PDB file of N, CA and C in Angstrom:
ATOM      1  N   MET A   1      35.800  79.501  54.279  1.00  0.00           N
ATOM      2  CA  MET A   1      35.694  78.427  55.234  1.00  0.00           C
ATOM      3  C   MET A   1      35.471  78.981  56.631  1.00  0.00           C
ATOM      4  N   GLY A   2      36.074  80.137  56.893  1.00  0.00           N
ATOM      5  CA  GLY A   2      35.858  80.765  58.198  1.00  0.00           C
ATOM      6  C   GLY A   2      34.423  81.204  58.377  1.00  0.00           C
ATOM      7  N   HIS A   3      33.834  81.736  57.317  1.00  0.00           N
ATOM      8  CA  HIS A   3      32.431  82.162  57.370  1.00  0.00           C
ATOM      9  C   HIS A   3      31.534  80.959  57.642  1.00  0.00           C
ATOM     10  N   GLU A   4      31.812  79.859  56.956  1.00  0.00           N
ATOM     11  CA  GLU A   4      30.998  78.656  57.152  1.00  0.00           C
ATOM     12  C   GLU A   4      31.159  78.123  58.574  1.00  0.00           C
ATOM     13  N   ALA A   5      32.371  78.162  59.113  1.00  0.00           N
ATOM     14  CA  ALA A   5      32.595  77.685  60.475  1.00  0.00           C
ATOM     15  C   ALA A   5      31.835  78.533  61.491  1.00  0.00           C
ATOM     16  N   LYS A   6      31.772  79.825  61.236  1.00  0.00           N
ATOM     17  CA  LYS A   6      31.105  80.722  62.183  1.00  0.00           C
ATOM     18  C   LYS A   6      29.584  80.728  62.030  1.00  0.00           C
ATOM     19  N   TYR A   7      29.114  80.721  60.773  1.00  0.00           N
ATOM     20  CA  TYR A   7      27.671  80.886  60.525  1.00  0.00           C
ATOM     21  C   TYR A   7      26.953  79.614  60.071  1.00  0.00           C
ATOM     22  N   GLY A   8      27.711  78.530  59.842  1.00  0.00           N
ATOM     23  CA  GLY A   8      27.090  77.269  59.457  1.00  0.00           C
ATOM     24  C   GLY A   8      26.689  77.163  58.002  1.00  0.00           C
ATOM     25  N   LYS A   9      27.085  78.117  57.178  1.00  0.00           N
ATOM     26  CA  LYS A   9      26.790  78.076  55.740  1.00  0.00           C
ATOM     27  C   LYS A   9      27.826  78.915  55.005  1.00  0.00           C
ATOM     28  N   PRO A  10      28.037  78.605  53.721  1.00  0.00           N
ATOM     29  CA  PRO A  10      28.970  79.420  52.940  1.00  0.00           C
ATOM     30  C   PRO A  10      28.438  80.847  52.776  1.00  0.00           C
ATOM     31  N   PRO A  11      29.304  81.812  52.514  1.00  0.00           N
ATOM     32  CA  PRO A  11      28.823  83.180  52.291  1.00  0.00           C
ATOM     33  C   PRO A  11      28.006  83.258  51.005  1.00  0.00           C
ATOM     34  N   ASP A  12      27.183  84.272  50.899  1.00  0.00           N
ATOM     35  CA  ASP A  12      26.359  84.446  49.697  1.00  0.00           C
ATOM     36  C   ASP A  12      27.202  84.807  48.481  1.00  0.00           C
ATOM     37  N   LEU A  13      28.291  85.542  48.709  1.00  0.00           N
ATOM     38  CA  LEU A  13      29.143  86.005  47.613  1.00  0.00           C
ATOM     39  C   LEU A  13      30.556  86.220  48.141  1.00  0.00           C
ATOM     40  N   VAL A  14      31.554  85.834  47.341  1.00  0.00           N
ATOM     41  CA  VAL A  14      32.949  86.142  47.671  1.00  0.00           C
ATOM     42  C   VAL A  14      33.552  86.883  46.488  1.00  0.00           C
ATOM     43  N   GLU A  15      34.451  87.822  46.789  1.00  0.00           N
ATOM     44  CA  GLU A  15      35.101  88.605  45.739  1.00  0.00           C
ATOM     45  C   GLU A  15      36.595  88.662  45.993  1.00  0.00           C
ATOM     46  N   LEU A  16      37.327  88.742  44.890  1.00  0.00           N
ATOM     47  CA  LEU A  16      38.769  88.875  44.934  1.00  0.00           C
ATOM     48  C   LEU A  16      39.115  90.125  44.133  1.00  0.00           C
ATOM     49  N   HIS A  17      39.788  91.067  44.771  1.00  0.00           N
ATOM     50  CA  HIS A  17      40.153  92.328  44.125  1.00  0.00           C
ATOM     51  C   HIS A  17      41.669  92.395  43.960  1.00  0.00           C
ATOM     52  N   PHE A  18      42.133  92.602  42.716  1.00  0.00           N
ATOM     53  CA  PHE A  18      43.550  92.794  42.442  1.00  0.00           C
ATOM     54  C   PHE A  18      43.799  94.294  42.378  1.00  0.00           C
ATOM     55  N   LEU A  19      44.522  94.807  43.358  1.00  0.00           N
ATOM     56  CA  LEU A  19      44.677  96.251  43.491  1.00  0.00           C
ATOM     57  C   LEU A  19      45.464  96.885  42.354  1.00  0.00           C
ATOM     58  N   GLU A  20      46.549  96.259  41.918  1.00  0.00           N
ATOM     59  CA  GLU A  20      47.371  96.875  40.875  1.00  0.00           C
ATOM     60  C   GLU A  20      46.674  96.906  39.525  1.00  0.00           C
ATOM     61  N   SER A  21      46.026  95.822  39.143  1.00  0.00           N
ATOM     62  CA  SER A  21      45.401  95.755  37.820  1.00  0.00           C
ATOM     63  C   SER A  21      43.958  96.241  37.812  1.00  0.00           C
ATOM     64  N   GLY A  22      43.329  96.272  38.970  1.00  0.00           N
ATOM     65  CA  GLY A  22      41.931  96.669  39.029  1.00  0.00           C
ATOM     66  C   GLY A  22      40.966  95.542  38.694  1.00  0.00           C
ATOM     67  N   LEU A  23      41.494  94.344  38.405  1.00  0.00           N
ATOM     68  CA  LEU A  23      40.621  93.211  38.102  1.00  0.00           C
ATOM     69  C   LEU A  23      39.861  92.786  39.352  1.00  0.00           C
ATOM     70  N   LYS A  24      38.636  92.319  39.133  1.00  0.00           N
ATOM     71  CA  LYS A  24      37.805  91.850  40.227  1.00  0.00           C
ATOM     72  C   LYS A  24      37.078  90.592  39.766  1.00  0.00           C
ATOM     73  N   ALA A  25      37.073  89.587  40.616  1.00  0.00           N
ATOM     74  CA  ALA A  25      36.359  88.348  40.314  1.00  0.00           C
ATOM     75  C   ALA A  25      35.442  88.034  41.489  1.00  0.00           C
ATOM     76  N   SER A  26      34.278  87.489  41.189  1.00  0.00           N
ATOM     77  CA  SER A  26      33.355  87.126  42.254  1.00  0.00           C
ATOM     78  C   SER A  26      32.680  85.807  41.919  1.00  0.00           C
ATOM     79  N   MET A  27      32.199  85.144  42.958  1.00  0.00           N
ATOM     80  CA  MET A  27      31.458  83.895  42.769  1.00  0.00           C
ATOM     81  C   MET A  27      30.526  83.681  43.948  1.00  0.00           C
ATOM     82  N   LYS A  28      29.519  82.872  43.721  1.00  0.00           N
ATOM     83  CA  LYS A  28      28.592  82.484  44.777  1.00  0.00           C
ATOM     84  C   LYS A  28      28.947  81.058  45.170  1.00  0.00           C
ATOM     85  N   PRO A  29      29.659  80.897  46.287  1.00  0.00           N
ATOM     86  CA  PRO A  29      30.096  79.547  46.668  1.00  0.00           C
ATOM     87  C   PRO A  29      28.949  78.718  47.228  1.00  0.00           C
ATOM     88  N   GLY A  30      28.994  77.451  46.915  1.00  0.00           N
ATOM     89  CA  GLY A  30      28.025  76.514  47.483  1.00  0.00           C
ATOM     90  C   GLY A  30      28.750  75.510  48.353  1.00  0.00           C
ATOM     91  N   LYS A  31      28.022  74.594  48.911  1.00  0.00           N
ATOM     92  CA  LYS A  31      28.605  73.572  49.788  1.00  0.00           C
ATOM     93  C   LYS A  31      29.676  72.769  49.053  1.00  0.00           C
ATOM     94  N   ASP A  32      29.423  72.443  47.776  1.00  0.00           N
ATOM     95  CA  ASP A  32      30.379  71.671  46.989  1.00  0.00           C
ATOM     96  C   ASP A  32      31.686  72.435  46.794  1.00  0.00           C
ATOM     97  N   SER A  33      31.603  73.733  46.515  1.00  0.00           N
ATOM     98  CA  SER A  33      32.819  74.502  46.268  1.00  0.00           C
ATOM     99  C   SER A  33      33.669  74.622  47.522  1.00  0.00           C
ATOM    100  N   VAL A  34      33.053  74.661  48.690  1.00  0.00           N
ATOM    101  CA  VAL A  34      33.806  74.711  49.946  1.00  0.00           C
ATOM    102  C   VAL A  34      34.540  73.391  50.154  1.00  0.00           C
ATOM    103  N   GLU A  35      33.895  72.270  49.881  1.00  0.00           N
ATOM    104  CA  GLU A  35      34.548  70.967  50.009  1.00  0.00           C
ATOM    105  C   GLU A  35      35.691  70.835  49.006  1.00  0.00           C
ATOM    106  N   GLU A  36      35.480  71.312  47.775  1.00  0.00           N
ATOM    107  CA  GLU A  36      36.544  71.286  46.771  1.00  0.00           C
ATOM    108  C   GLU A  36      37.731  72.128  47.233  1.00  0.00           C
ATOM    109  N   LEU A  37      37.471  73.271  47.818  1.00  0.00           N
ATOM    110  CA  LEU A  37      38.523  74.142  48.319  1.00  0.00           C
ATOM    111  C   LEU A  37      39.323  73.453  49.420  1.00  0.00           C
ATOM    112  N   LYS A  38      38.641  72.783  50.320  1.00  0.00           N
ATOM    113  CA  LYS A  38      39.335  72.069  51.402  1.00  0.00           C
ATOM    114  C   LYS A  38      40.273  71.010  50.828  1.00  0.00           C
ATOM    115  N   GLU A  39      39.814  70.282  49.819  1.00  0.00           N
ATOM    116  CA  GLU A  39      40.644  69.261  49.187  1.00  0.00           C
ATOM    117  C   GLU A  39      41.843  69.892  48.483  1.00  0.00           C
ATOM    118  N   LYS A  40      41.626  71.011  47.802  1.00  0.00           N
ATOM    119  CA  LYS A  40      42.714  71.694  47.104  1.00  0.00           C
ATOM    120  C   LYS A  40      43.758  72.207  48.098  1.00  0.00           C
ATOM    121  N   ILE A  41      43.317  72.740  49.228  1.00  0.00           N
ATOM    122  CA  ILE A  41      44.244  73.217  50.258  1.00  0.00           C
ATOM    123  C   ILE A  41      45.091  72.059  50.780  1.00  0.00           C
ATOM    124  N   LYS A  42      44.466  70.902  51.015  1.00  0.00           N
ATOM    125  CA  LYS A  42      45.215  69.731  51.475  1.00  0.00           C
ATOM    126  C   LYS A  42      46.258  69.316  50.439  1.00  0.00           C
ATOM    127  N   GLU A  43      45.862  69.307  49.172  1.00  0.00           N
ATOM    128  CA  GLU A  43      46.761  68.918  48.078  1.00  0.00           C
ATOM    129  C   GLU A  43      47.957  69.872  47.985  1.00  0.00           C
ATOM    130  N   VAL A  44      47.691  71.167  48.053  1.00  0.00           N
ATOM    131  CA  VAL A  44      48.764  72.159  47.973  1.00  0.00           C
ATOM    132  C   VAL A  44      49.682  72.057  49.189  1.00  0.00           C
ATOM    133  N   ALA A  45      49.112  71.902  50.371  1.00  0.00           N
ATOM    134  CA  ALA A  45      49.919  71.781  51.585  1.00  0.00           C
ATOM    135  C   ALA A  45      50.839  70.565  51.511  1.00  0.00           C
ATOM    136  N   GLU A  46      50.326  69.458  51.012  1.00  0.00           N
ATOM    137  CA  GLU A  46      51.155  68.262  50.865  1.00  0.00           C
ATOM    138  C   GLU A  46      52.296  68.509  49.889  1.00  0.00           C
ATOM    139  N   GLY A  47      52.010  69.200  48.786  1.00  0.00           N
ATOM    140  CA  GLY A  47      53.040  69.521  47.805  1.00  0.00           C
ATOM    141  C   GLY A  47      54.124  70.418  48.391  1.00  0.00           C
ATOM    142  N   ILE A  48      53.736  71.385  49.189  1.00  0.00           N
ATOM    143  CA  ILE A  48      54.712  72.266  49.834  1.00  0.00           C
ATOM    144  C   ILE A  48      55.554  71.462  50.817  1.00  0.00           C
ATOM    145  N   TYR A  49      54.918  70.644  51.625  1.00  0.00           N
ATOM    146  CA  TYR A  49      55.621  69.836  52.611  1.00  0.00           C
ATOM    147  C   TYR A  49      56.624  68.905  51.937  1.00  0.00           C
ATOM    148  N   GLU A  50      56.231  68.347  50.777  1.00  0.00           N
ATOM    149  CA  GLU A  50      57.094  67.415  50.046  1.00  0.00           C
ATOM    150  C   GLU A  50      58.039  68.134  49.082  1.00  0.00           C
ATOM    151  N   ARG A  51      58.019  69.475  49.089  1.00  0.00           N
ATOM    152  CA  ARG A  51      58.881  70.325  48.277  1.00  0.00           C
ATOM    153  C   ARG A  51      58.701  70.073  46.776  1.00  0.00           C
ATOM    154  N   ARG A  52      57.440  69.890  46.354  1.00  0.00           N
ATOM    155  CA  ARG A  52      57.114  69.731  44.931  1.00  0.00           C
ATOM    156  C   ARG A  52      56.706  71.097  44.393  1.00  0.00           C
ATOM    157  N   PHE A  53      57.509  71.655  43.530  1.00  0.00           N
ATOM    158  CA  PHE A  53      57.240  72.986  42.989  1.00  0.00           C
ATOM    159  C   PHE A  53      57.277  73.001  41.463  1.00  0.00           C
ATOM    160  N   GLU A  54      56.887  71.914  40.830  1.00  0.00           N
ATOM    161  CA  GLU A  54      56.914  71.859  39.378  1.00  0.00           C
ATOM    162  C   GLU A  54      55.876  72.821  38.783  1.00  0.00           C
ATOM    163  N   ALA A  55      56.198  73.339  37.614  1.00  0.00           N
ATOM    164  CA  ALA A  55      55.293  74.271  36.932  1.00  0.00           C
ATOM    165  C   ALA A  55      54.116  73.515  36.328  1.00  0.00           C
ATOM    166  N   ASN A  56      52.958  74.156  36.302  1.00  0.00           N
ATOM    167  CA  ASN A  56      51.746  73.601  35.699  1.00  0.00           C
ATOM    168  C   ASN A  56      51.167  74.639  34.742  1.00  0.00           C
ATOM    169  N   PRO A  57      51.805  74.827  33.578  1.00  0.00           N
ATOM    170  CA  PRO A  57      51.329  75.868  32.667  1.00  0.00           C
ATOM    171  C   PRO A  57      49.924  75.590  32.145  1.00  0.00           C
ATOM    172  N   GLU A  58      49.114  76.633  32.113  1.00  0.00           N
ATOM    173  CA  GLU A  58      47.748  76.554  31.608  1.00  0.00           C
ATOM    174  C   GLU A  58      47.425  77.851  30.888  1.00  0.00           C
ATOM    175  N   TYR A  59      46.482  77.768  29.980  1.00  0.00           N
ATOM    176  CA  TYR A  59      46.006  78.962  29.289  1.00  0.00           C
ATOM    177  C   TYR A  59      45.530  79.983  30.319  1.00  0.00           C
ATOM    178  N   MET A  60      45.929  81.195  30.183  1.00  0.00           N
ATOM    179  CA  MET A  60      45.602  82.342  31.036  1.00  0.00           C
ATOM    180  C   MET A  60      46.373  82.348  32.358  1.00  0.00           C
ATOM    181  N   ALA A  61      46.714  81.200  32.920  1.00  0.00           N
ATOM    182  CA  ALA A  61      47.428  81.192  34.199  1.00  0.00           C
ATOM    183  C   ALA A  61      48.821  81.784  34.041  1.00  0.00           C
ATOM    184  N   CYS A  62      49.512  81.427  32.979  1.00  0.00           N
ATOM    185  CA  CYS A  62      50.876  81.910  32.777  1.00  0.00           C
ATOM    186  C   CYS A  62      50.913  83.425  32.600  1.00  0.00           C
ATOM    187  N   GLN A  63      49.905  83.973  32.005  1.00  0.00           N
ATOM    188  CA  GLN A  63      49.850  85.414  31.754  1.00  0.00           C
ATOM    189  C   GLN A  63      49.906  86.219  33.053  1.00  0.00           C
ATOM    190  N   TYR A  64      49.336  85.707  34.111  1.00  0.00           N
ATOM    191  CA  TYR A  64      49.261  86.431  35.376  1.00  0.00           C
ATOM    192  C   TYR A  64      50.236  85.911  36.439  1.00  0.00           C
ATOM    193  N   CYS A  65      51.034  84.922  36.085  1.00  0.00           N
ATOM    194  CA  CYS A  65      51.961  84.329  37.046  1.00  0.00           C
ATOM    195  C   CYS A  65      53.146  85.266  37.298  1.00  0.00           C
ATOM    196  N   ALA A  66      53.522  85.388  38.568  1.00  0.00           N
ATOM    197  CA  ALA A  66      54.647  86.249  38.949  1.00  0.00           C
ATOM    198  C   ALA A  66      55.980  85.730  38.411  1.00  0.00           C
ATOM    199  N   TYR A  67      56.054  84.473  38.037  1.00  0.00           N
ATOM    200  CA  TYR A  67      57.307  83.878  37.582  1.00  0.00           C
ATOM    201  C   TYR A  67      57.345  83.661  36.070  1.00  0.00           C
ATOM    202  N   SER A  68      56.384  84.166  35.333  1.00  0.00           N
ATOM    203  CA  SER A  68      56.297  83.898  33.897  1.00  0.00           C
ATOM    204  C   SER A  68      57.507  84.390  33.112  1.00  0.00           C
ATOM    205  N   ASN A  69      58.164  85.437  33.600  1.00  0.00           N
ATOM    206  CA  ASN A  69      59.311  85.954  32.837  1.00  0.00           C
ATOM    207  C   ASN A  69      60.565  85.090  32.992  1.00  0.00           C
ATOM    208  N   ILE A  70      60.595  84.148  33.920  1.00  0.00           N
ATOM    209  CA  ILE A  70      61.758  83.279  34.100  1.00  0.00           C
ATOM    210  C   ILE A  70      61.424  81.792  33.956  1.00  0.00           C
ATOM    211  N   CYS A  71      60.181  81.466  33.724  1.00  0.00           N
ATOM    212  CA  CYS A  71      59.727  80.073  33.687  1.00  0.00           C
ATOM    213  C   CYS A  71      59.946  79.456  32.323  1.00  0.00           C
ATOM    214  N   ARG A  72      60.629  78.302  32.286  1.00  0.00           N
ATOM    215  CA  ARG A  72      60.868  77.602  31.029  1.00  0.00           C
ATOM    216  C   ARG A  72      59.638  76.843  30.563  1.00  0.00           C
ATOM    217  N   ALA A  73      58.717  76.562  31.454  1.00  0.00           N
ATOM    218  CA  ALA A  73      57.521  75.786  31.116  1.00  0.00           C
ATOM    219  C   ALA A  73      56.357  76.673  30.677  1.00  0.00           C
ATOM    220  N   LYS A  74      56.561  77.971  30.612  1.00  0.00           N
ATOM    221  CA  LYS A  74      55.492  78.918  30.274  1.00  0.00           C
ATOM    222  C   LYS A  74      54.785  78.530  28.992  1.00  0.00           C
ATOM    223  N   GLU A  75      53.464  78.522  29.043  1.00  0.00           N
ATOM    224  CA  GLU A  75      52.664  78.236  27.862  1.00  0.00           C
ATOM    225  C   GLU A  75      52.643  79.466  26.972  1.00  0.00           C
ATOM    226  N   LYS A  76      52.871  79.237  25.690  1.00  0.00           N
ATOM    227  CA  LYS A  76      52.961  80.374  24.757  1.00  0.00           C
ATOM    228  C   LYS A  76      51.649  80.723  24.138  1.00  0.00           C
TER     229      LYS A  76
END
């Protein structure tokens, strides 16, 4: 979003590097994905403000979650 604010368009490519595991993910964001991200940020911020911290187990998400070893809602 910062890149779009400065340059008027989304970046050509974004990457996320996980240092401990060595995993790397990349995507080519478009205008739609930036708008979706803004909506998701608003949704998460509202949840934090309202102190909603319920678990949302999903395939693959639980495997990488920092709380998976203590979470009762963990998907098996």
